[in-house]
Amino acid sequence: MTPFPWKQAIGFGLGVLHLSPEQFWRMTPRELAYAIEAVRGGQAPLSRVALNDLMKRYPDER
């Protein structure tokens, strides 16, 4: 399991969103995710072709 990227989350909240530390720590993870998406823009889902390509290049089993 990958650890939560606290450094990036805090940096984005304080540096990009200009939240105070109190505002940042009062946010829910969902609120932070929505704020990040609003700034960065939503990403289109992968097409079936792109997903199949990724699955071939990076299989779950070796």
N, C-alpha and C. Protein backbone atom coordinates (compact mmCIF):
# COMPACT_ATOMS: atom_id res chain seq x y z
N MET A 1 0.85 -1.18 0.00
CA MET A 1 0.00 0.00 0.00
C MET A 1 0.89 1.24 0.00
N THR A 2 0.56 2.18 -0.84
CA THR A 2 1.32 3.42 -0.94
C THR A 2 0.90 4.38 0.16
N PRO A 3 1.86 4.96 0.88
CA PRO A 3 1.48 5.92 1.93
C PRO A 3 0.85 7.17 1.32
N PHE A 4 0.03 7.83 2.12
CA PHE A 4 -0.63 9.05 1.67
C PHE A 4 0.42 10.12 1.41
N PRO A 5 0.32 10.85 0.29
CA PRO A 5 1.34 11.86 -0.06
C PRO A 5 1.13 13.18 0.70
N TRP A 6 1.42 13.15 2.00
CA TRP A 6 1.18 14.33 2.84
C TRP A 6 1.94 15.54 2.36
N LYS A 7 3.20 15.36 1.97
CA LYS A 7 4.01 16.51 1.55
C LYS A 7 3.35 17.23 0.38
N GLN A 8 2.89 16.48 -0.61
CA GLN A 8 2.25 17.08 -1.78
C GLN A 8 0.89 17.69 -1.41
N ALA A 9 0.12 17.01 -0.56
CA ALA A 9 -1.19 17.51 -0.17
C ALA A 9 -1.07 18.82 0.60
N ILE A 10 -0.17 18.85 1.57
CA ILE A 10 0.02 20.06 2.36
C ILE A 10 0.57 21.18 1.48
N GLY A 11 1.53 20.85 0.63
CA GLY A 11 2.09 21.86 -0.28
C GLY A 11 1.04 22.45 -1.19
N PHE A 12 0.15 21.61 -1.72
CA PHE A 12 -0.91 22.10 -2.59
C PHE A 12 -1.90 22.96 -1.81
N GLY A 13 -2.29 22.49 -0.64
CA GLY A 13 -3.26 23.23 0.17
C GLY A 13 -2.75 24.59 0.61
N LEU A 14 -1.52 24.62 1.10
CA LEU A 14 -0.97 25.88 1.60
C LEU A 14 -0.39 26.74 0.49
N GLY A 15 0.31 26.11 -0.46
CA GLY A 15 1.02 26.87 -1.49
C GLY A 15 0.17 27.27 -2.68
N VAL A 16 -0.70 26.37 -3.14
CA VAL A 16 -1.49 26.66 -4.34
C VAL A 16 -2.85 27.24 -3.97
N LEU A 17 -3.51 26.60 -3.01
CA LEU A 17 -4.84 27.08 -2.62
C LEU A 17 -4.78 28.24 -1.62
N HIS A 18 -3.61 28.48 -1.06
CA HIS A 18 -3.39 29.57 -0.09
C HIS A 18 -4.29 29.42 1.14
N LEU A 19 -4.49 28.19 1.59
CA LEU A 19 -5.27 27.95 2.80
C LEU A 19 -4.38 28.20 4.01
N SER A 20 -5.00 28.61 5.09
CA SER A 20 -4.27 28.68 6.35
C SER A 20 -4.12 27.24 6.85
N PRO A 21 -3.16 26.98 7.74
CA PRO A 21 -3.05 25.63 8.27
C PRO A 21 -4.36 25.16 8.92
N GLU A 22 -5.05 26.04 9.62
CA GLU A 22 -6.32 25.67 10.25
C GLU A 22 -7.35 25.28 9.19
N GLN A 23 -7.45 26.04 8.11
CA GLN A 23 -8.39 25.70 7.04
C GLN A 23 -8.04 24.36 6.41
N PHE A 24 -6.74 24.15 6.18
CA PHE A 24 -6.32 22.89 5.56
C PHE A 24 -6.71 21.70 6.42
N TRP A 25 -6.41 21.76 7.72
CA TRP A 25 -6.66 20.61 8.59
C TRP A 25 -8.14 20.40 8.88
N ARG A 26 -8.97 21.39 8.64
CA ARG A 26 -10.42 21.23 8.82
C ARG A 26 -11.09 20.61 7.59
N MET A 27 -10.38 20.59 6.45
CA MET A 27 -10.95 20.01 5.23
C MET A 27 -11.03 18.50 5.34
N THR A 28 -12.04 17.94 4.71
CA THR A 28 -12.10 16.49 4.58
C THR A 28 -11.25 16.09 3.37
N PRO A 29 -10.81 14.86 3.30
CA PRO A 29 -10.07 14.43 2.11
C PRO A 29 -10.87 14.64 0.82
N ARG A 30 -12.17 14.44 0.88
CA ARG A 30 -13.01 14.64 -0.31
C ARG A 30 -13.00 16.11 -0.72
N GLU A 31 -13.10 17.02 0.24
CA GLU A 31 -13.06 18.46 -0.09
C GLU A 31 -11.72 18.83 -0.72
N LEU A 32 -10.64 18.30 -0.18
CA LEU A 32 -9.33 18.58 -0.75
C LEU A 32 -9.24 18.03 -2.16
N ALA A 33 -9.74 16.83 -2.38
CA ALA A 33 -9.72 16.23 -3.72
C ALA A 33 -10.51 17.08 -4.70
N TYR A 34 -11.68 17.57 -4.30
CA TYR A 34 -12.48 18.41 -5.18
C TYR A 34 -11.78 19.73 -5.48
N ALA A 35 -11.09 20.30 -4.48
CA ALA A 35 -10.36 21.55 -4.69
C ALA A 35 -9.21 21.33 -5.67
N ILE A 36 -8.49 20.23 -5.51
CA ILE A 36 -7.40 19.91 -6.44
C ILE A 36 -7.94 19.74 -7.85
N GLU A 37 -9.04 19.01 -7.98
CA GLU A 37 -9.65 18.80 -9.29
C GLU A 37 -10.10 20.11 -9.92
N ALA A 38 -10.63 21.02 -9.10
CA ALA A 38 -11.09 22.31 -9.62
C ALA A 38 -9.93 23.12 -10.18
N VAL A 39 -8.77 23.03 -9.55
CA VAL A 39 -7.61 23.79 -10.01
C VAL A 39 -6.95 23.11 -11.20
N ARG A 40 -6.78 21.81 -11.11
CA ARG A 40 -6.07 21.08 -12.18
C ARG A 40 -6.97 20.71 -13.35
N GLY A 41 -8.26 20.68 -13.12
CA GLY A 41 -9.18 20.23 -14.16
C GLY A 41 -9.37 18.72 -14.07
N GLY A 42 -10.54 18.29 -14.45
CA GLY A 42 -10.83 16.86 -14.41
C GLY A 42 -10.11 16.14 -15.54
N GLN A 43 -9.86 14.89 -15.33
CA GLN A 43 -9.21 14.09 -16.35
C GLN A 43 -10.23 13.14 -16.96
N ALA A 44 -10.18 13.01 -18.26
CA ALA A 44 -11.07 12.09 -18.95
C ALA A 44 -10.70 10.66 -18.58
N PRO A 45 -11.67 9.78 -18.47
CA PRO A 45 -11.34 8.38 -18.18
C PRO A 45 -10.56 7.77 -19.33
N LEU A 46 -9.80 6.73 -19.01
CA LEU A 46 -9.04 6.03 -20.04
C LEU A 46 -9.98 5.35 -21.03
N SER A 47 -9.56 5.31 -22.26
CA SER A 47 -10.29 4.54 -23.26
C SER A 47 -9.97 3.06 -23.05
N ARG A 48 -10.76 2.19 -23.60
CA ARG A 48 -10.51 0.75 -23.50
C ARG A 48 -9.15 0.41 -24.12
N VAL A 49 -8.81 1.02 -25.23
CA VAL A 49 -7.53 0.76 -25.91
C VAL A 49 -6.37 1.16 -25.00
N ALA A 50 -6.45 2.34 -24.39
CA ALA A 50 -5.38 2.80 -23.51
C ALA A 50 -5.27 1.91 -22.27
N LEU A 51 -6.39 1.49 -21.72
CA LEU A 51 -6.38 0.60 -20.56
C LEU A 51 -5.74 -0.74 -20.92
N ASN A 52 -6.12 -1.31 -22.05
CA ASN A 52 -5.54 -2.58 -22.48
C ASN A 52 -4.03 -2.45 -22.69
N ASP A 53 -3.59 -1.34 -23.25
CA ASP A 53 -2.16 -1.11 -23.46
C ASP A 53 -1.43 -1.06 -22.12
N LEU A 54 -1.98 -0.35 -21.15
CA LEU A 54 -1.35 -0.29 -19.83
C LEU A 54 -1.32 -1.65 -19.16
N MET A 55 -2.40 -2.42 -19.31
CA MET A 55 -2.45 -3.75 -18.70
C MET A 55 -1.41 -4.68 -19.32
N LYS A 56 -1.14 -4.53 -20.60
CA LYS A 56 -0.10 -5.34 -21.26
C LYS A 56 1.29 -4.92 -20.80
N ARG A 57 1.51 -3.62 -20.68
CA ARG A 57 2.83 -3.12 -20.29
C ARG A 57 3.13 -3.34 -18.82
N TYR A 58 2.09 -3.32 -17.98
CA TYR A 58 2.28 -3.44 -16.53
C TYR A 58 1.32 -4.48 -15.97
N PRO A 59 1.57 -5.76 -16.26
CA PRO A 59 0.66 -6.80 -15.77
C PRO A 59 0.72 -6.92 -14.25
N ASP A 60 -0.40 -7.36 -13.66
CA ASP A 60 -0.45 -7.54 -12.20
C ASP A 60 0.44 -8.70 -11.75
N GLU A 61 0.55 -9.72 -12.58
CA GLU A 61 1.36 -10.88 -12.24
C GLU A 61 2.56 -10.94 -13.16
N ARG A 62 3.62 -11.51 -12.66
CA ARG A 62 4.84 -11.63 -13.47
C ARG A 62 4.99 -13.04 -13.95
